[in-house]
Amino acid sequence: RQHMDYGVWYDTKALDQKTIVDTQYVSSMNPKAGSFTINPRLQSHFTTIGCMMPSKETLAGVFKQVLDAHMKDFKEEVKGMSGKV
């Protein structure tokens, strides 16, 4: 949070500021483990999105489409295997 709020990290040994540039932050939470509370000052820097895990059928459909697109230039007998993976 310190870097997000102030744009620097403080080096406690050298008592100096470290300027960090061109960074991005991505975070996630596991609803089944750990703490379920987030500091509101930290959370204010993020967009909060909640979503459920897709069904097995949906995941299979998504990955099949990606695999089909990747295998479009393969031989026909190989193309047909995407549904079995």
Protein backbone atom coordinates (compact mmCIF):
# COMPACT_ATOMS: atom_id res chain seq x y z
CA ARG A 1 0.00 0.00 0.00
CA GLN A 2 2.88 2.34 0.72
CA HIS A 3 4.05 2.28 -2.89
CA MET A 4 0.54 2.70 -4.25
CA ASP A 5 -0.18 5.69 -2.00
CA TYR A 6 3.16 7.49 -2.14
CA GLY A 7 4.97 6.10 -5.19
CA VAL A 8 8.05 5.14 -3.17
CA TRP A 9 9.29 2.43 -0.84
CA TYR A 10 11.19 3.43 2.26
CA ASP A 11 14.44 1.67 2.99
CA THR A 12 14.56 1.45 6.78
CA LYS A 13 18.25 0.53 6.85
CA ALA A 14 19.51 3.35 4.64
CA LEU A 15 16.71 5.72 5.74
CA ASP A 16 16.15 6.60 2.12
CA GLN A 17 13.32 6.51 -0.40
CA LYS A 18 13.39 4.02 -3.26
CA THR A 19 11.44 5.23 -6.29
CA ILE A 20 9.85 2.38 -8.24
CA VAL A 21 8.32 3.14 -11.66
CA ASP A 22 6.37 1.28 -14.36
CA THR A 23 4.76 -1.32 -12.11
CA GLN A 24 1.35 -2.95 -12.13
CA TYR A 25 -0.41 -4.81 -9.34
CA VAL A 26 -2.74 -7.76 -9.69
CA SER A 27 -4.23 -9.55 -6.72
CA SER A 28 -6.67 -12.32 -5.93
CA MET A 29 -8.25 -13.94 -2.91
CA ASN A 30 -9.02 -17.55 -2.10
CA PRO A 31 -12.41 -17.68 -0.34
CA LYS A 32 -11.52 -21.00 1.31
CA ALA A 33 -8.24 -20.05 3.00
CA GLY A 34 -6.65 -17.21 4.87
CA SER A 35 -8.14 -14.02 6.20
CA PHE A 36 -11.35 -12.65 4.72
CA THR A 37 -10.71 -9.01 5.61
CA ILE A 38 -8.89 -6.45 3.51
CA ASN A 39 -7.63 -3.11 4.68
CA PRO A 40 -10.01 -0.57 3.05
CA ARG A 41 -7.06 1.75 2.29
CA LEU A 42 -5.43 -1.04 0.26
CA GLN A 43 -8.66 -2.19 -1.38
CA SER A 44 -9.38 1.34 -2.61
CA HIS A 45 -6.58 0.90 -5.17
CA PHE A 46 -8.24 -2.12 -6.81
CA THR A 47 -11.39 -2.89 -8.72
CA THR A 48 -13.22 -5.63 -6.86
CA ILE A 49 -14.81 -8.31 -9.03
CA GLY A 50 -16.53 -11.39 -7.69
CA CYS A 51 -17.26 -14.37 -9.90
CA MET A 52 -18.12 -18.00 -9.50
CA MET A 53 -16.05 -20.82 -10.97
CA PRO A 54 -17.49 -21.84 -14.35
CA SER A 55 -18.93 -25.32 -14.80
CA LYS A 56 -16.83 -28.14 -16.23
CA GLU A 57 -18.84 -27.99 -19.45
CA THR A 58 -18.17 -24.27 -19.86
CA LEU A 59 -14.44 -24.70 -19.22
CA ALA A 60 -14.28 -27.60 -21.66
CA GLY A 61 -16.02 -25.48 -24.31
CA VAL A 62 -13.66 -22.55 -23.83
CA PHE A 63 -10.51 -24.65 -23.95
CA LYS A 64 -11.82 -26.65 -26.93
CA GLN A 65 -12.30 -23.44 -28.91
CA VAL A 66 -8.79 -22.26 -28.06
CA LEU A 67 -7.32 -25.65 -28.99
CA ASP A 68 -9.34 -25.80 -32.23
CA ALA A 69 -8.01 -22.38 -33.25
CA HIS A 70 -4.45 -23.43 -32.41
CA MET A 71 -4.77 -26.69 -34.37
CA LYS A 72 -6.36 -25.20 -37.51
CA ASP A 73 -3.22 -25.82 -39.59
CA PHE A 74 -2.65 -29.39 -38.36
CA LYS A 75 -3.57 -32.55 -40.26
CA GLU A 76 -7.23 -33.62 -40.15
CA GLU A 77 -6.62 -36.64 -37.90
CA VAL A 78 -4.92 -34.36 -35.35
CA LYS A 79 -7.63 -31.67 -35.55
CA GLY A 80 -10.25 -34.21 -34.51
CA MET A 81 -8.45 -34.91 -31.23
CA SER A 82 -9.22 -31.54 -29.66
CA GLY A 83 -12.49 -32.84 -28.22
CA LYS A 84 -10.71 -35.73 -26.50
CA VAL A 85 -8.13 -33.64 -24.69
